[in-house]
Amino acid sequence: MHESIEAKLEAKRIREQLLSVIAHSHVTVFTVDSRLRVTMIEGALIWNARHGSNGSRWFIGENVYDVFNALNPLLPEGQHPPFLANLESIIGGELPEDLQEHQIRMFTYLLPVPPSPSFA
């Protein structure tokens, strides 16, 4: 029982450290499943968005294109942020090797897309 409590406290501490690093570096970290549904999103982009008191929770399970279009209201309707183009390639098994830079509102976002051994 004691080890279980220690493990939970350690996980909480690590999560708080990660959130602190994300906040100080002004990045947004997100994950999607194979159907392009957001499974996790944290960081500057959503913290600066005004979507009620749920924080990042409203994004979970939503289509990644819909989420980033909602976060970037200046994007013309029907157009998607260019940095999302690599997601479908990665899920399809391709290994893009580049770094993309994008502007959303007054923030610049860099999306590194290194090769992943899990897709090899």
PDB file of N, CA and C in Angstrom:
ATOM      1  N   MET A   1       0.824  -1.191   0.000  1.00  0.00           N
ATOM      2  CA  MET A   1       0.000   0.000   0.000  1.00  0.00           C
ATOM      3  C   MET A   1       0.869   1.256   0.000  1.00  0.00           C
ATOM      4  N   HIS A   2       1.909   1.264   0.806  1.00  0.00           N
ATOM      5  CA  HIS A   2       2.811   2.406   0.904  1.00  0.00           C
ATOM      6  C   HIS A   2       3.478   2.689  -0.451  1.00  0.00           C
ATOM      7  N   GLU A   3       3.894   1.650  -1.156  1.00  0.00           N
ATOM      8  CA  GLU A   3       4.522   1.818  -2.467  1.00  0.00           C
ATOM      9  C   GLU A   3       3.546   2.404  -3.476  1.00  0.00           C
ATOM     10  N   SER A   4       2.291   2.024  -3.382  1.00  0.00           N
ATOM     11  CA  SER A   4       1.271   2.546  -4.284  1.00  0.00           C
ATOM     12  C   SER A   4       1.085   4.050  -4.072  1.00  0.00           C
ATOM     13  N   ILE A   5       1.056   4.478  -2.841  1.00  0.00           N
ATOM     14  CA  ILE A   5       0.911   5.898  -2.535  1.00  0.00           C
ATOM     15  C   ILE A   5       2.133   6.675  -3.012  1.00  0.00           C
ATOM     16  N   GLU A   6       3.310   6.119  -2.787  1.00  0.00           N
ATOM     17  CA  GLU A   6       4.536   6.768  -3.251  1.00  0.00           C
ATOM     18  C   GLU A   6       4.549   6.894  -4.774  1.00  0.00           C
ATOM     19  N   ALA A   7       4.105   5.858  -5.459  1.00  0.00           N
ATOM     20  CA  ALA A   7       4.070   5.887  -6.921  1.00  0.00           C
ATOM     21  C   ALA A   7       3.109   6.972  -7.420  1.00  0.00           C
ATOM     22  N   LYS A   8       1.951   7.110  -6.773  1.00  0.00           N
ATOM     23  CA  LYS A   8       0.981   8.142  -7.162  1.00  0.00           C
ATOM     24  C   LYS A   8       1.541   9.539  -6.914  1.00  0.00           C
ATOM     25  N   LEU A   9       2.207   9.719  -5.780  1.00  0.00           N
ATOM     26  CA  LEU A   9       2.798  11.020  -5.474  1.00  0.00           C
ATOM     27  C   LEU A   9       3.906  11.372  -6.465  1.00  0.00           C
ATOM     28  N   GLU A  10       4.702  10.379  -6.827  1.00  0.00           N
ATOM     29  CA  GLU A  10       5.781  10.593  -7.796  1.00  0.00           C
ATOM     30  C   GLU A  10       5.210  10.948  -9.167  1.00  0.00           C
ATOM     31  N   ALA A  11       4.145  10.259  -9.586  1.00  0.00           N
ATOM     32  CA  ALA A  11       3.505  10.552 -10.870  1.00  0.00           C
ATOM     33  C   ALA A  11       2.950  11.979 -10.873  1.00  0.00           C
ATOM     34  N   LYS A  12       2.358  12.383  -9.768  1.00  0.00           N
ATOM     35  CA  LYS A  12       1.826  13.744  -9.657  1.00  0.00           C
ATOM     36  C   LYS A  12       2.953  14.768  -9.738  1.00  0.00           C
ATOM     37  N   ARG A  13       4.049  14.500  -9.061  1.00  0.00           N
ATOM     38  CA  ARG A  13       5.195  15.405  -9.078  1.00  0.00           C
ATOM     39  C   ARG A  13       5.766  15.537 -10.487  1.00  0.00           C
ATOM     40  N   ILE A  14       5.893  14.425 -11.189  1.00  0.00           N
ATOM     41  CA  ILE A  14       6.432  14.445 -12.554  1.00  0.00           C
ATOM     42  C   ILE A  14       5.499  15.211 -13.488  1.00  0.00           C
ATOM     43  N   ARG A  15       4.188  15.003 -13.333  1.00  0.00           N
ATOM     44  CA  ARG A  15       3.216  15.730 -14.167  1.00  0.00           C
ATOM     45  C   ARG A  15       3.326  17.230 -13.923  1.00  0.00           C
ATOM     46  N   GLU A  16       3.434  17.634 -12.666  1.00  0.00           N
ATOM     47  CA  GLU A  16       3.574  19.059 -12.341  1.00  0.00           C
ATOM     48  C   GLU A  16       4.856  19.638 -12.933  1.00  0.00           C
ATOM     49  N   GLN A  17       5.938  18.870 -12.901  1.00  0.00           N
ATOM     50  CA  GLN A  17       7.191  19.328 -13.506  1.00  0.00           C
ATOM     51  C   GLN A  17       7.035  19.505 -15.017  1.00  0.00           C
ATOM     52  N   LEU A  18       6.390  18.530 -15.658  1.00  0.00           N
ATOM     53  CA  LEU A  18       6.179  18.604 -17.102  1.00  0.00           C
ATOM     54  C   LEU A  18       5.331  19.820 -17.460  1.00  0.00           C
ATOM     55  N   LEU A  19       4.262  20.053 -16.723  1.00  0.00           N
ATOM     56  CA  LEU A  19       3.412  21.209 -16.993  1.00  0.00           C
ATOM     57  C   LEU A  19       4.180  22.515 -16.789  1.00  0.00           C
ATOM     58  N   SER A  20       5.064  22.535 -15.811  1.00  0.00           N
ATOM     59  CA  SER A  20       5.887  23.720 -15.575  1.00  0.00           C
ATOM     60  C   SER A  20       6.827  23.970 -16.750  1.00  0.00           C
ATOM     61  N   VAL A  21       7.451  22.923 -17.262  1.00  0.00           N
ATOM     62  CA  VAL A  21       8.340  23.052 -18.415  1.00  0.00           C
ATOM     63  C   VAL A  21       7.556  23.531 -19.637  1.00  0.00           C
ATOM     64  N   ILE A  22       6.392  22.950 -19.858  1.00  0.00           N
ATOM     65  CA  ILE A  22       5.557  23.351 -20.994  1.00  0.00           C
ATOM     66  C   ILE A  22       5.176  24.824 -20.868  1.00  0.00           C
ATOM     67  N   ALA A  23       4.780  25.250 -19.673  1.00  0.00           N
ATOM     68  CA  ALA A  23       4.378  26.646 -19.464  1.00  0.00           C
ATOM     69  C   ALA A  23       5.530  27.605 -19.721  1.00  0.00           C
ATOM     70  N   HIS A  24       6.709  27.268 -19.254  1.00  0.00           N
ATOM     71  CA  HIS A  24       7.851  28.155 -19.429  1.00  0.00           C
ATOM     72  C   HIS A  24       8.377  28.165 -20.862  1.00  0.00           C
ATOM     73  N   SER A  25       8.181  27.111 -21.591  1.00  0.00           N
ATOM     74  CA  SER A  25       8.702  27.052 -22.955  1.00  0.00           C
ATOM     75  C   SER A  25       7.663  27.489 -23.990  1.00  0.00           C
ATOM     76  N   HIS A  26       6.432  27.745 -23.553  1.00  0.00           N
ATOM     77  CA  HIS A  26       5.362  28.206 -24.443  1.00  0.00           C
ATOM     78  C   HIS A  26       5.151  27.255 -25.614  1.00  0.00           C
ATOM     79  N   VAL A  27       5.057  25.977 -25.332  1.00  0.00           N
ATOM     80  CA  VAL A  27       4.790  24.980 -26.363  1.00  0.00           C
ATOM     81  C   VAL A  27       3.435  24.338 -26.095  1.00  0.00           C
ATOM     82  N   THR A  28       2.924  23.681 -27.090  1.00  0.00           N
ATOM     83  CA  THR A  28       1.720  22.881 -26.940  1.00  0.00           C
ATOM     84  C   THR A  28       2.067  21.462 -27.359  1.00  0.00           C
ATOM     85  N   VAL A  29       1.763  20.525 -26.494  1.00  0.00           N
ATOM     86  CA  VAL A  29       2.028  19.118 -26.746  1.00  0.00           C
ATOM     87  C   VAL A  29       0.675  18.430 -26.890  1.00  0.00           C
ATOM     88  N   PHE A  30       0.527  17.649 -27.960  1.00  0.00           N
ATOM     89  CA  PHE A  30      -0.735  16.936 -28.145  1.00  0.00           C
ATOM     90  C   PHE A  30      -0.477  15.555 -28.725  1.00  0.00           C
ATOM     91  N   THR A  31      -1.426  14.664 -28.502  1.00  0.00           N
ATOM     92  CA  THR A  31      -1.375  13.333 -29.090  1.00  0.00           C
ATOM     93  C   THR A  31      -2.727  13.046 -29.737  1.00  0.00           C
ATOM     94  N   VAL A  32      -2.686  12.200 -30.764  1.00  0.00           N
ATOM     95  CA  VAL A  32      -3.907  11.780 -31.443  1.00  0.00           C
ATOM     96  C   VAL A  32      -3.887  10.268 -31.611  1.00  0.00           C
ATOM     97  N   ASP A  33      -5.070   9.702 -31.771  1.00  0.00           N
ATOM     98  CA  ASP A  33      -5.146   8.267 -32.044  1.00  0.00           C
ATOM     99  C   ASP A  33      -5.153   8.052 -33.554  1.00  0.00           C
ATOM    100  N   SER A  34      -5.315   6.821 -33.978  1.00  0.00           N
ATOM    101  CA  SER A  34      -5.247   6.500 -35.409  1.00  0.00           C
ATOM    102  C   SER A  34      -6.418   7.084 -36.204  1.00  0.00           C
ATOM    103  N   ARG A  35      -7.466   7.533 -35.514  1.00  0.00           N
ATOM    104  CA  ARG A  35      -8.599   8.174 -36.194  1.00  0.00           C
ATOM    105  C   ARG A  35      -8.502   9.699 -36.132  1.00  0.00           C
ATOM    106  N   LEU A  36      -7.317  10.201 -35.731  1.00  0.00           N
ATOM    107  CA  LEU A  36      -7.044  11.628 -35.621  1.00  0.00           C
ATOM    108  C   LEU A  36      -7.905  12.317 -34.564  1.00  0.00           C
ATOM    109  N   ARG A  37      -8.252  11.592 -33.522  1.00  0.00           N
ATOM    110  CA  ARG A  37      -8.975  12.155 -32.378  1.00  0.00           C
ATOM    111  C   ARG A  37      -7.950  12.531 -31.314  1.00  0.00           C
ATOM    112  N   VAL A  38      -8.091  13.713 -30.748  1.00  0.00           N
ATOM    113  CA  VAL A  38      -7.163  14.194 -29.727  1.00  0.00           C
ATOM    114  C   VAL A  38      -7.299  13.333 -28.474  1.00  0.00           C
ATOM    115  N   THR A  39      -6.175  12.809 -28.006  1.00  0.00           N
ATOM    116  CA  THR A  39      -6.174  11.998 -26.783  1.00  0.00           C
ATOM    117  C   THR A  39      -5.541  12.742 -25.615  1.00  0.00           C
ATOM    118  N   MET A  40      -4.732  13.780 -25.920  1.00  0.00           N
ATOM    119  CA  MET A  40      -4.113  14.603 -24.885  1.00  0.00           C
ATOM    120  C   MET A  40      -3.665  15.893 -25.535  1.00  0.00           C
ATOM    121  N   ILE A  41      -3.860  17.004 -24.816  1.00  0.00           N
ATOM    122  CA  ILE A  41      -3.348  18.288 -25.291  1.00  0.00           C
ATOM    123  C   ILE A  41      -3.110  19.173 -24.074  1.00  0.00           C
ATOM    124  N   GLU A  42      -1.926  19.722 -24.006  1.00  0.00           N
ATOM    125  CA  GLU A  42      -1.546  20.643 -22.927  1.00  0.00           C
ATOM    126  C   GLU A  42      -0.629  21.699 -23.498  1.00  0.00           C
ATOM    127  N   GLY A  43      -0.689  22.883 -22.962  1.00  0.00           N
ATOM    128  CA  GLY A  43       0.278  23.893 -23.342  1.00  0.00           C
ATOM    129  C   GLY A  43      -0.296  25.254 -23.631  1.00  0.00           C
ATOM    130  N   ALA A  44       0.594  26.115 -24.105  1.00  0.00           N
ATOM    131  CA  ALA A  44       0.298  27.531 -24.273  1.00  0.00           C
ATOM    132  C   ALA A  44      -0.912  27.800 -25.162  1.00  0.00           C
ATOM    133  N   LEU A  45      -1.036  27.091 -26.253  1.00  0.00           N
ATOM    134  CA  LEU A  45      -2.119  27.363 -27.195  1.00  0.00           C
ATOM    135  C   LEU A  45      -3.486  27.192 -26.548  1.00  0.00           C
ATOM    136  N   ILE A  46      -3.688  26.113 -25.815  1.00  0.00           N
ATOM    137  CA  ILE A  46      -5.002  25.916 -25.193  1.00  0.00           C
ATOM    138  C   ILE A  46      -5.159  26.722 -23.914  1.00  0.00           C
ATOM    139  N   TRP A  47      -4.050  26.977 -23.215  1.00  0.00           N
ATOM    140  CA  TRP A  47      -4.158  27.778 -21.998  1.00  0.00           C
ATOM    141  C   TRP A  47      -4.556  29.205 -22.329  1.00  0.00           C
ATOM    142  N   ASN A  48      -4.184  29.673 -23.524  1.00  0.00           N
ATOM    143  CA  ASN A  48      -4.536  31.025 -23.941  1.00  0.00           C
ATOM    144  C   ASN A  48      -5.914  31.090 -24.597  1.00  0.00           C
ATOM    145  N   ALA A  49      -6.486  29.959 -24.912  1.00  0.00           N
ATOM    146  CA  ALA A  49      -7.812  29.914 -25.543  1.00  0.00           C
ATOM    147  C   ALA A  49      -8.877  30.069 -24.470  1.00  0.00           C
ATOM    148  N   ARG A  50     -10.001  30.586 -24.867  1.00  0.00           N
ATOM    149  CA  ARG A  50     -11.117  30.765 -23.936  1.00  0.00           C
ATOM    150  C   ARG A  50     -12.232  29.784 -24.313  1.00  0.00           C
ATOM    151  N   HIS A  51     -12.224  28.622 -23.678  1.00  0.00           N
ATOM    152  CA  HIS A  51     -13.248  27.613 -23.976  1.00  0.00           C
ATOM    153  C   HIS A  51     -13.869  27.101 -22.682  1.00  0.00           C
ATOM    154  N   GLY A  52     -14.358  28.013 -21.876  1.00  0.00           N
ATOM    155  CA  GLY A  52     -15.029  27.605 -20.650  1.00  0.00           C
ATOM    156  C   GLY A  52     -14.049  27.194 -19.574  1.00  0.00           C
ATOM    157  N   SER A  53     -14.573  26.574 -18.537  1.00  0.00           N
ATOM    158  CA  SER A  53     -13.752  26.216 -17.379  1.00  0.00           C
ATOM    159  C   SER A  53     -13.190  24.800 -17.459  1.00  0.00           C
ATOM    160  N   ASN A  54     -13.454  24.091 -18.535  1.00  0.00           N
ATOM    161  CA  ASN A  54     -12.978  22.716 -18.658  1.00  0.00           C
ATOM    162  C   ASN A  54     -11.513  22.622 -19.044  1.00  0.00           C
ATOM    163  N   GLY A  55     -10.855  23.726 -19.324  1.00  0.00           N
ATOM    164  CA  GLY A  55      -9.456  23.684 -19.727  1.00  0.00           C
ATOM    165  C   GLY A  55      -9.296  22.883 -20.999  1.00  0.00           C
ATOM    166  N   SER A  56      -8.385  21.919 -20.969  1.00  0.00           N
ATOM    167  CA  SER A  56      -8.114  21.130 -22.170  1.00  0.00           C
ATOM    168  C   SER A  56      -9.079  19.959 -22.328  1.00  0.00           C
ATOM    169  N   ARG A  57      -9.953  19.758 -21.365  1.00  0.00           N
ATOM    170  CA  ARG A  57     -10.811  18.567 -21.418  1.00  0.00           C
ATOM    171  C   ARG A  57     -11.803  18.557 -22.568  1.00  0.00           C
ATOM    172  N   TRP A  58     -12.270  19.713 -23.022  1.00  0.00           N
ATOM    173  CA  TRP A  58     -13.262  19.698 -24.096  1.00  0.00           C
ATOM    174  C   TRP A  58     -12.674  19.197 -25.396  1.00  0.00           C
ATOM    175  N   PHE A  59     -11.355  19.246 -25.544  1.00  0.00           N
ATOM    176  CA  PHE A  59     -10.699  18.817 -26.770  1.00  0.00           C
ATOM    177  C   PHE A  59     -10.602  17.298 -26.889  1.00  0.00           C
ATOM    178  N   ILE A  60     -10.605  16.609 -25.778  1.00  0.00           N
ATOM    179  CA  ILE A  60     -10.384  15.168 -25.769  1.00  0.00           C
ATOM    180  C   ILE A  60     -11.498  14.466 -26.556  1.00  0.00           C
ATOM    181  N   GLY A  61     -11.063  13.626 -27.494  1.00  0.00           N
ATOM    182  CA  GLY A  61     -12.012  12.876 -28.321  1.00  0.00           C
ATOM    183  C   GLY A  61     -12.471  13.619 -29.563  1.00  0.00           C
ATOM    184  N   GLU A  62     -12.083  14.879 -29.687  1.00  0.00           N
ATOM    185  CA  GLU A  62     -12.478  15.678 -30.849  1.00  0.00           C
ATOM    186  C   GLU A  62     -11.478  15.488 -31.983  1.00  0.00           C
ATOM    187  N   ASN A  63     -11.932  15.716 -33.197  1.00  0.00           N
ATOM    188  CA  ASN A  63     -11.065  15.633 -34.371  1.00  0.00           C
ATOM    189  C   ASN A  63      -9.969  16.694 -34.272  1.00  0.00           C
ATOM    190  N   VAL A  64      -8.735  16.312 -34.524  1.00  0.00           N
ATOM    191  CA  VAL A  64      -7.600  17.224 -34.360  1.00  0.00           C
ATOM    192  C   VAL A  64      -7.731  18.449 -35.260  1.00  0.00           C
ATOM    193  N   TYR A  65      -8.277  18.294 -36.455  1.00  0.00           N
ATOM    194  CA  TYR A  65      -8.457  19.434 -37.344  1.00  0.00           C
ATOM    195  C   TYR A  65      -9.472  20.412 -36.755  1.00  0.00           C
ATOM    196  N   ASP A  66     -10.565  19.888 -36.218  1.00  0.00           N
ATOM    197  CA  ASP A  66     -11.587  20.736 -35.601  1.00  0.00           C
ATOM    198  C   ASP A  66     -11.020  21.495 -34.403  1.00  0.00           C
ATOM    199  N   VAL A  67     -10.204  20.810 -33.601  1.00  0.00           N
ATOM    200  CA  VAL A  67      -9.618  21.435 -32.418  1.00  0.00           C
ATOM    201  C   VAL A  67      -8.719  22.601 -32.822  1.00  0.00           C
ATOM    202  N   PHE A  68      -7.787  22.367 -33.748  1.00  0.00           N
ATOM    203  CA  PHE A  68      -6.861  23.428 -34.114  1.00  0.00           C
ATOM    204  C   PHE A  68      -7.538  24.528 -34.922  1.00  0.00           C
ATOM    205  N   ASN A  69      -8.600  24.207 -35.650  1.00  0.00           N
ATOM    206  CA  ASN A  69      -9.357  25.257 -36.330  1.00  0.00           C
ATOM    207  C   ASN A  69     -10.085  26.121 -35.298  1.00  0.00           C
ATOM    208  N   ALA A  70     -10.614  25.504 -34.237  1.00  0.00           N
ATOM    209  CA  ALA A  70     -11.278  26.265 -33.179  1.00  0.00           C
ATOM    210  C   ALA A  70     -10.278  27.143 -32.426  1.00  0.00           C
ATOM    211  N   LEU A  71      -9.053  26.661 -32.280  1.00  0.00           N
ATOM    212  CA  LEU A  71      -8.026  27.427 -31.577  1.00  0.00           C
ATOM    213  C   LEU A  71      -7.437  28.547 -32.434  1.00  0.00           C
ATOM    214  N   ASN A  72      -7.672  28.493 -33.736  1.00  0.00           N
ATOM    215  CA  ASN A  72      -7.138  29.491 -34.647  1.00  0.00           C
ATOM    216  C   ASN A  72      -8.273  30.070 -35.482  1.00  0.00           C
ATOM    217  N   PRO A  73      -9.072  30.953 -34.894  1.00  0.00           N
ATOM    218  CA  PRO A  73     -10.249  31.476 -35.597  1.00  0.00           C
ATOM    219  C   PRO A  73      -9.917  32.310 -36.832  1.00  0.00           C
ATOM    220  N   LEU A  74      -8.668  32.721 -37.003  1.00  0.00           N
ATOM    221  CA  LEU A  74      -8.289  33.503 -38.176  1.00  0.00           C
ATOM    222  C   LEU A  74      -8.069  32.643 -39.417  1.00  0.00           C
ATOM    223  N   LEU A  75      -8.037  31.339 -39.234  1.00  0.00           N
ATOM    224  CA  LEU A  75      -7.837  30.421 -40.352  1.00  0.00           C
ATOM    225  C   LEU A  75      -9.117  30.383 -41.204  1.00  0.00           C
ATOM    226  N   PRO A  76      -8.993  30.556 -42.518  1.00  0.00           N
ATOM    227  CA  PRO A  76     -10.186  30.519 -43.379  1.00  0.00           C
ATOM    228  C   PRO A  76     -10.933  29.190 -43.246  1.00  0.00           C
ATOM    229  N   GLU A  77     -12.249  29.262 -43.335  1.00  0.00           N
ATOM    230  CA  GLU A  77     -13.077  28.055 -43.210  1.00  0.00           C
ATOM    231  C   GLU A  77     -12.696  27.027 -44.268  1.00  0.00           C
ATOM    232  N   GLY A  78     -12.597  25.780 -43.856  1.00  0.00           N
ATOM    233  CA  GLY A  78     -12.235  24.701 -44.758  1.00  0.00           C
ATOM    234  C   GLY A  78     -10.740  24.492 -44.891  1.00  0.00           C
ATOM    235  N   GLN A  79      -9.950  25.399 -44.341  1.00  0.00           N
ATOM    236  CA  GLN A  79      -8.492  25.269 -44.409  1.00  0.00           C
ATOM    237  C   GLN A  79      -7.989  24.748 -43.061  1.00  0.00           C
ATOM    238  N   HIS A  80      -6.932  23.949 -43.082  1.00  0.00           N
ATOM    239  CA  HIS A  80      -6.361  23.383 -41.870  1.00  0.00           C
ATOM    240  C   HIS A  80      -4.948  23.908 -41.676  1.00  0.00           C
ATOM    241  N   PRO A  81      -4.505  23.994 -40.421  1.00  0.00           N
ATOM    242  CA  PRO A  81      -3.119  24.414 -40.186  1.00  0.00           C
ATOM    243  C   PRO A  81      -2.167  23.471 -40.923  1.00  0.00           C
ATOM    244  N   PRO A  82      -1.193  24.013 -41.640  1.00  0.00           N
ATOM    245  CA  PRO A  82      -0.277  23.176 -42.436  1.00  0.00           C
ATOM    246  C   PRO A  82       0.501  22.146 -41.616  1.00  0.00           C
ATOM    247  N   PHE A  83       0.793  22.459 -40.346  1.00  0.00           N
ATOM    248  CA  PHE A  83       1.592  21.513 -39.566  1.00  0.00           C
ATOM    249  C   PHE A  83       0.861  20.210 -39.290  1.00  0.00           C
ATOM    250  N   LEU A  84      -0.452  20.183 -39.482  1.00  0.00           N
ATOM    251  CA  LEU A  84      -1.191  18.942 -39.264  1.00  0.00           C
ATOM    252  C   LEU A  84      -1.068  17.970 -40.431  1.00  0.00           C
ATOM    253  N   ALA A  85      -0.574  18.430 -41.564  1.00  0.00           N
ATOM    254  CA  ALA A  85      -0.453  17.569 -42.742  1.00  0.00           C
ATOM    255  C   ALA A  85       0.415  16.347 -42.461  1.00  0.00           C
ATOM    256  N   ASN A  86       1.426  16.492 -41.654  1.00  0.00           N
ATOM    257  CA  ASN A  86       2.309  15.367 -41.350  1.00  0.00           C
ATOM    258  C   ASN A  86       1.640  14.289 -40.501  1.00  0.00           C
ATOM    259  N   LEU A  87       0.592  14.635 -39.786  1.00  0.00           N
ATOM    260  CA  LEU A  87      -0.062  13.625 -38.938  1.00  0.00           C
ATOM    261  C   LEU A  87      -0.562  12.449 -39.761  1.00  0.00           C
ATOM    262  N   GLU A  88      -1.243  12.734 -40.842  1.00  0.00           N
ATOM    263  CA  GLU A  88      -1.775  11.649 -41.666  1.00  0.00           C
ATOM    264  C   GLU A  88      -0.648  10.835 -42.287  1.00  0.00           C
ATOM    265  N   SER A  89       0.440  11.496 -42.655  1.00  0.00           N
ATOM    266  CA  SER A  89       1.597  10.778 -43.203  1.00  0.00           C
ATOM    267  C   SER A  89       2.182   9.839 -42.167  1.00  0.00           C
ATOM    268  N   ILE A  90       2.332  10.336 -40.939  1.00  0.00           N
ATOM    269  CA  ILE A  90       2.898   9.520 -39.862  1.00  0.00           C
ATOM    270  C   ILE A  90       1.996   8.335 -39.559  1.00  0.00           C
ATOM    271  N   ILE A  91       0.705   8.580 -39.430  1.00  0.00           N
ATOM    272  CA  ILE A  91      -0.230   7.482 -39.153  1.00  0.00           C
ATOM    273  C   ILE A  91      -0.238   6.492 -40.312  1.00  0.00           C
ATOM    274  N   GLY A  92      -0.007   6.990 -41.543  1.00  0.00           N
ATOM    275  CA  GLY A  92       0.060   6.125 -42.718  1.00  0.00           C
ATOM    276  C   GLY A  92       1.381   5.390 -42.849  1.00  0.00           C
ATOM    277  N   GLY A  93       2.326   5.654 -41.920  1.00  0.00           N
ATOM    278  CA  GLY A  93       3.586   4.927 -41.930  1.00  0.00           C
ATOM    279  C   GLY A  93       4.757   5.650 -42.563  1.00  0.00           C
ATOM    280  N   GLU A  94       4.542   6.854 -43.090  1.00  0.00           N
ATOM    281  CA  GLU A  94       5.642   7.613 -43.669  1.00  0.00           C
ATOM    282  C   GLU A  94       6.439   8.274 -42.550  1.00  0.00           C
ATOM    283  N   LEU A  95       7.701   8.567 -42.815  1.00  0.00           N
ATOM    284  CA  LEU A  95       8.578   9.144 -41.808  1.00  0.00           C
ATOM    285  C   LEU A  95       9.122  10.492 -42.258  1.00  0.00           C
ATOM    286  N   PRO A  96       8.344  11.554 -42.142  1.00  0.00           N
ATOM    287  CA  PRO A  96       8.870  12.867 -42.520  1.00  0.00           C
ATOM    288  C   PRO A  96       9.970  13.301 -41.562  1.00  0.00           C
ATOM    289  N   GLU A  97      10.974  13.978 -42.081  1.00  0.00           N
ATOM    290  CA  GLU A  97      12.081  14.450 -41.261  1.00  0.00           C
ATOM    291  C   GLU A  97      12.256  15.944 -41.486  1.00  0.00           C
ATOM    292  N   ASP A  98      11.504  16.731 -40.753  1.00  0.00           N
ATOM    293  CA  ASP A  98      11.643  18.172 -40.908  1.00  0.00           C
ATOM    294  C   ASP A  98      11.168  18.905 -39.671  1.00  0.00           C
ATOM    295  N   LEU A  99      11.306  20.192 -39.719  1.00  0.00           N
ATOM    296  CA  LEU A  99      10.835  21.066 -38.666  1.00  0.00           C
ATOM    297  C   LEU A  99       9.987  22.128 -39.335  1.00  0.00           C
ATOM    298  N   GLN A 100       8.769  22.251 -38.900  1.00  0.00           N
ATOM    299  CA  GLN A 100       7.876  23.225 -39.507  1.00  0.00           C
ATOM    300  C   GLN A 100       7.593  24.342 -38.508  1.00  0.00           C
ATOM    301  N   GLU A 101       7.524  25.563 -39.019  1.00  0.00           N
ATOM    302  CA  GLU A 101       7.245  26.728 -38.193  1.00  0.00           C
ATOM    303  C   GLU A 101       5.916  27.325 -38.635  1.00  0.00           C
ATOM    304  N   HIS A 102       5.047  27.642 -37.663  1.00  0.00           N
ATOM    305  CA  HIS A 102       3.723  28.171 -37.986  1.00  0.00           C
ATOM    306  C   HIS A 102       3.356  29.282 -37.022  1.00  0.00           C
ATOM    307  N   GLN A 103       2.609  30.253 -37.532  1.00  0.00           N
ATOM    308  CA  GLN A 103       2.110  31.351 -36.718  1.00  0.00           C
ATOM    309  C   GLN A 103       0.627  31.120 -36.429  1.00  0.00           C
ATOM    310  N   ILE A 104       0.251  31.192 -35.169  1.00  0.00           N
ATOM    311  CA  ILE A 104      -1.147  31.171 -34.766  1.00  0.00           C
ATOM    312  C   ILE A 104      -1.303  32.316 -33.776  1.00  0.00           C
ATOM    313  N   ARG A 105      -2.160  33.248 -34.120  1.00  0.00           N
ATOM    314  CA  ARG A 105      -2.283  34.497 -33.363  1.00  0.00           C
ATOM    315  C   ARG A 105      -0.906  35.144 -33.309  1.00  0.00           C
ATOM    316  N   MET A 106      -0.440  35.524 -32.133  1.00  0.00           N
ATOM    317  CA  MET A 106       0.869  36.174 -32.043  1.00  0.00           C
ATOM    318  C   MET A 106       1.968  35.203 -31.640  1.00  0.00           C
ATOM    319  N   PHE A 107       1.693  33.910 -31.678  1.00  0.00           N
ATOM    320  CA  PHE A 107       2.665  32.908 -31.261  1.00  0.00           C
ATOM    321  C   PHE A 107       3.235  32.176 -32.473  1.00  0.00           C
ATOM    322  N   THR A 108       4.496  31.802 -32.357  1.00  0.00           N
ATOM    323  CA  THR A 108       5.144  30.979 -33.368  1.00  0.00           C
ATOM    324  C   THR A 108       5.301  29.584 -32.789  1.00  0.00           C
ATOM    325  N   TYR A 109       4.885  28.579 -33.536  1.00  0.00           N
ATOM    326  CA  TYR A 109       4.968  27.199 -33.088  1.00  0.00           C
ATOM    327  C   TYR A 109       5.894  26.420 -34.007  1.00  0.00           C
ATOM    328  N   LEU A 110       6.790  25.654 -33.415  1.00  0.00           N
ATOM    329  CA  LEU A 110       7.691  24.800 -34.168  1.00  0.00           C
ATOM    330  C   LEU A 110       7.248  23.361 -33.970  1.00  0.00           C
ATOM    331  N   LEU A 111       7.139  22.644 -35.051  1.00  0.00           N
ATOM    332  CA  LEU A 111       6.730  21.243 -34.972  1.00  0.00           C
ATOM    333  C   LEU A 111       7.843  20.382 -35.543  1.00  0.00           C
ATOM    334  N   PRO A 112       8.680  19.815 -34.663  1.00  0.00           N
ATOM    335  CA  PRO A 112       9.694  18.885 -35.164  1.00  0.00           C
ATOM    336  C   PRO A 112       9.044  17.532 -35.426  1.00  0.00           C
ATOM    337  N   VAL A 113       9.399  16.945 -36.512  1.00  0.00           N
ATOM    338  CA  VAL A 113       8.846  15.648 -36.866  1.00  0.00           C
ATOM    339  C   VAL A 113      10.022  14.708 -37.150  1.00  0.00           C
ATOM    340  N   PRO A 114      10.655  14.194 -36.089  1.00  0.00           N
ATOM    341  CA  PRO A 114      11.774  13.278 -36.297  1.00  0.00           C
ATOM    342  C   PRO A 114      11.283  11.874 -36.631  1.00  0.00           C
ATOM    343  N   PRO A 115      12.122  11.077 -37.256  1.00  0.00           N
ATOM    344  CA  PRO A 115      11.716   9.699 -37.512  1.00  0.00           C
ATOM    345  C   PRO A 115      11.546   8.954 -36.203  1.00  0.00           C
ATOM    346  N   SER A 116      10.579   8.072 -36.169  1.00  0.00           N
ATOM    347  CA  SER A 116      10.300   7.314 -34.953  1.00  0.00           C
ATOM    348  C   SER A 116      10.565   5.837 -35.206  1.00  0.00           C
ATOM    349  N   PRO A 117      11.343   5.200 -34.345  1.00  0.00           N
ATOM    350  CA  PRO A 117      11.631   3.776 -34.535  1.00  0.00           C
ATOM    351  C   PRO A 117      10.368   2.910 -34.510  1.00  0.00           C
ATOM    352  N   SER A 118       9.306   3.397 -33.875  1.00  0.00           N
ATOM    353  CA  SER A 118       8.088   2.592 -33.781  1.00  0.00           C
ATOM    354  C   SER A 118       7.389   2.453 -35.126  1.00  0.00           C
ATOM    355  N   PHE A 119       7.718   3.319 -36.103  1.00  0.00           N
ATOM    356  CA  PHE A 119       7.104   3.227 -37.423  1.00  0.00           C
ATOM    357  C   PHE A 119       7.994   2.510 -38.421  1.00  0.00           C
ATOM    358  N   ALA A 120       9.184   2.160 -38.001  1.00  0.00           N
ATOM    359  CA  ALA A 120      10.132   1.506 -38.913  1.00  0.00           C
ATOM    360  C   ALA A 120       9.789   0.065 -39.153  1.00  0.00           C
TER     361      ALA A 120
END
